[in-house]
Amino acid sequence: MLTVIAGIVVFGVLIFFHEAGHYLAARLVGVGVHEFSLGFGPRLWGFTRGRTAYNLRLIPYGGFVRLVGLDPHDEERDQPYSFARKPVWHRLVVMIAGPAMNFVLAAVA
């Protein structure tokens, strides 16, 4: 049982840093963020700060950052802070930042 818990914690740290890379890069280039979540499925706990919801979800095998304008049906897609309205190099920075944070974490560890 301890091995399972340790695995979830280690995997959670990796996911957190990966998603934090996307989140920080999005904020850096001016893309709005609807949600930063660790896990999938039903929300267990969370809070909202500004326009971003921060959530911990039930299934600990992943995470996501929901960016403004990434969904074609997003009502804010035409806003200047939308992912869809940013230049290609801004979008590329946001996409690469997650994997880049994995390398940073490995170097620090």
Protein backbone atom coordinates (compact mmCIF):
# COMPACT_ATOMS: atom_id res chain seq x y z
CA MET A 1 0.00 0.00 0.00
CA LEU A 2 2.84 2.37 0.82
CA THR A 3 4.32 1.77 -2.63
CA VAL A 4 1.03 2.75 -4.28
CA ILE A 5 0.79 5.95 -2.23
CA ALA A 6 4.44 6.81 -2.96
CA GLY A 7 3.83 6.22 -6.67
CA ILE A 8 0.81 8.53 -6.66
CA VAL A 9 2.77 11.23 -4.81
CA VAL A 10 5.76 11.04 -7.18
CA PHE A 11 3.53 10.96 -10.24
CA GLY A 12 1.58 13.90 -8.80
CA VAL A 13 4.78 15.95 -8.43
CA LEU A 14 5.73 15.22 -12.04
CA ILE A 15 2.26 16.19 -13.26
CA PHE A 16 2.24 19.35 -11.14
CA PHE A 17 5.54 20.60 -12.58
CA HIS A 18 4.54 19.71 -16.14
CA GLU A 19 1.20 21.53 -15.89
CA ALA A 20 2.81 24.42 -13.99
CA GLY A 21 5.08 24.90 -17.01
CA HIS A 22 2.09 25.32 -19.30
CA TYR A 23 0.35 27.58 -16.77
CA LEU A 24 3.34 29.86 -16.12
CA ALA A 25 4.15 30.19 -19.82
CA ALA A 26 0.52 31.03 -20.61
CA ARG A 27 0.49 33.73 -17.97
CA LEU A 28 3.87 35.03 -19.18
CA VAL A 29 2.65 35.56 -22.75
CA GLY A 30 -0.74 36.89 -21.69
CA VAL A 31 -3.01 33.91 -22.30
CA GLY A 32 -5.93 33.60 -19.89
CA VAL A 33 -6.35 30.39 -17.91
CA HIS A 34 -9.80 29.06 -17.03
CA GLU A 35 -8.61 26.15 -14.91
CA PHE A 36 -5.51 24.45 -13.49
CA SER A 37 -6.33 20.91 -12.35
CA LEU A 38 -4.39 17.99 -10.97
CA GLY A 39 -6.19 14.76 -11.75
CA PHE A 40 -9.30 13.98 -13.76
CA GLY A 41 -12.91 13.25 -12.94
CA PRO A 42 -15.00 14.83 -10.20
CA ARG A 43 -13.58 17.78 -8.28
CA LEU A 44 -12.52 16.93 -4.72
CA TRP A 45 -11.26 20.32 -3.63
CA GLY A 46 -10.44 23.66 -5.16
CA PHE A 47 -10.61 27.40 -5.07
CA THR A 48 -10.86 30.28 -7.47
CA ARG A 49 -8.41 33.13 -7.55
CA GLY A 50 -9.04 35.87 -10.07
CA ARG A 51 -10.43 34.24 -13.19
CA THR A 52 -8.68 30.89 -12.67
CA ALA A 53 -10.07 27.84 -10.86
CA TYR A 54 -7.48 25.63 -9.15
CA ASN A 55 -8.72 22.07 -8.58
CA LEU A 56 -7.70 18.71 -7.18
CA ARG A 57 -9.68 15.93 -8.84
CA LEU A 58 -10.46 12.32 -7.94
CA ILE A 59 -8.39 10.33 -10.46
CA PRO A 60 -4.68 11.12 -9.88
CA TYR A 61 -3.40 10.01 -13.31
CA GLY A 62 -2.90 13.29 -15.10
CA GLY A 63 -3.83 16.92 -15.06
CA PHE A 64 -4.64 19.79 -17.33
CA VAL A 65 -4.55 23.53 -17.84
CA ARG A 66 -7.66 24.80 -19.62
CA LEU A 67 -6.63 27.89 -21.58
CA VAL A 68 -8.94 30.64 -22.76
CA GLY A 69 -9.65 30.17 -26.47
CA LEU A 70 -8.27 26.66 -26.80
CA ASP A 71 -11.78 25.23 -27.15
CA PRO A 72 -13.42 26.32 -30.42
CA HIS A 73 -16.70 26.85 -28.51
CA ASP A 74 -15.14 29.06 -25.82
CA GLU A 75 -17.15 32.28 -25.49
CA GLU A 76 -13.93 34.24 -24.90
CA ARG A 77 -12.16 32.90 -28.01
CA ASP A 78 -12.13 36.33 -29.69
CA GLN A 79 -10.65 38.16 -26.71
CA PRO A 80 -7.06 39.48 -26.94
CA TYR A 81 -5.98 37.16 -24.09
CA SER A 82 -7.23 34.08 -25.97
CA PHE A 83 -4.78 31.34 -26.94
CA ALA A 84 -6.30 31.38 -30.44
CA ARG A 85 -5.50 35.09 -30.89
CA LYS A 86 -1.85 34.89 -29.84
CA PRO A 87 1.03 34.72 -32.32
CA VAL A 88 2.36 31.30 -33.24
CA TRP A 89 5.55 31.76 -31.21
CA HIS A 90 3.50 32.49 -28.05
CA ARG A 91 1.43 29.35 -28.59
CA LEU A 92 4.60 27.35 -29.18
CA VAL A 93 6.13 28.62 -25.93
CA VAL A 94 3.02 27.55 -24.00
CA MET A 95 3.02 24.08 -25.59
CA ILE A 96 6.74 23.45 -25.06
CA ALA A 97 6.82 24.78 -21.49
CA GLY A 98 5.26 21.62 -19.98
CA PRO A 99 7.87 19.18 -21.29
CA ALA A 100 10.60 21.77 -20.61
CA MET A 101 9.60 21.83 -16.93
CA ASN A 102 10.05 18.04 -16.84
CA PHE A 103 13.68 18.55 -17.88
CA VAL A 104 14.11 21.32 -15.29
CA LEU A 105 12.70 19.07 -12.57
CA ALA A 106 15.03 16.24 -13.60
CA ALA A 107 18.04 18.54 -13.51
CA VAL A 108 17.09 19.91 -10.08
CA ALA A 109 16.38 16.44 -8.67
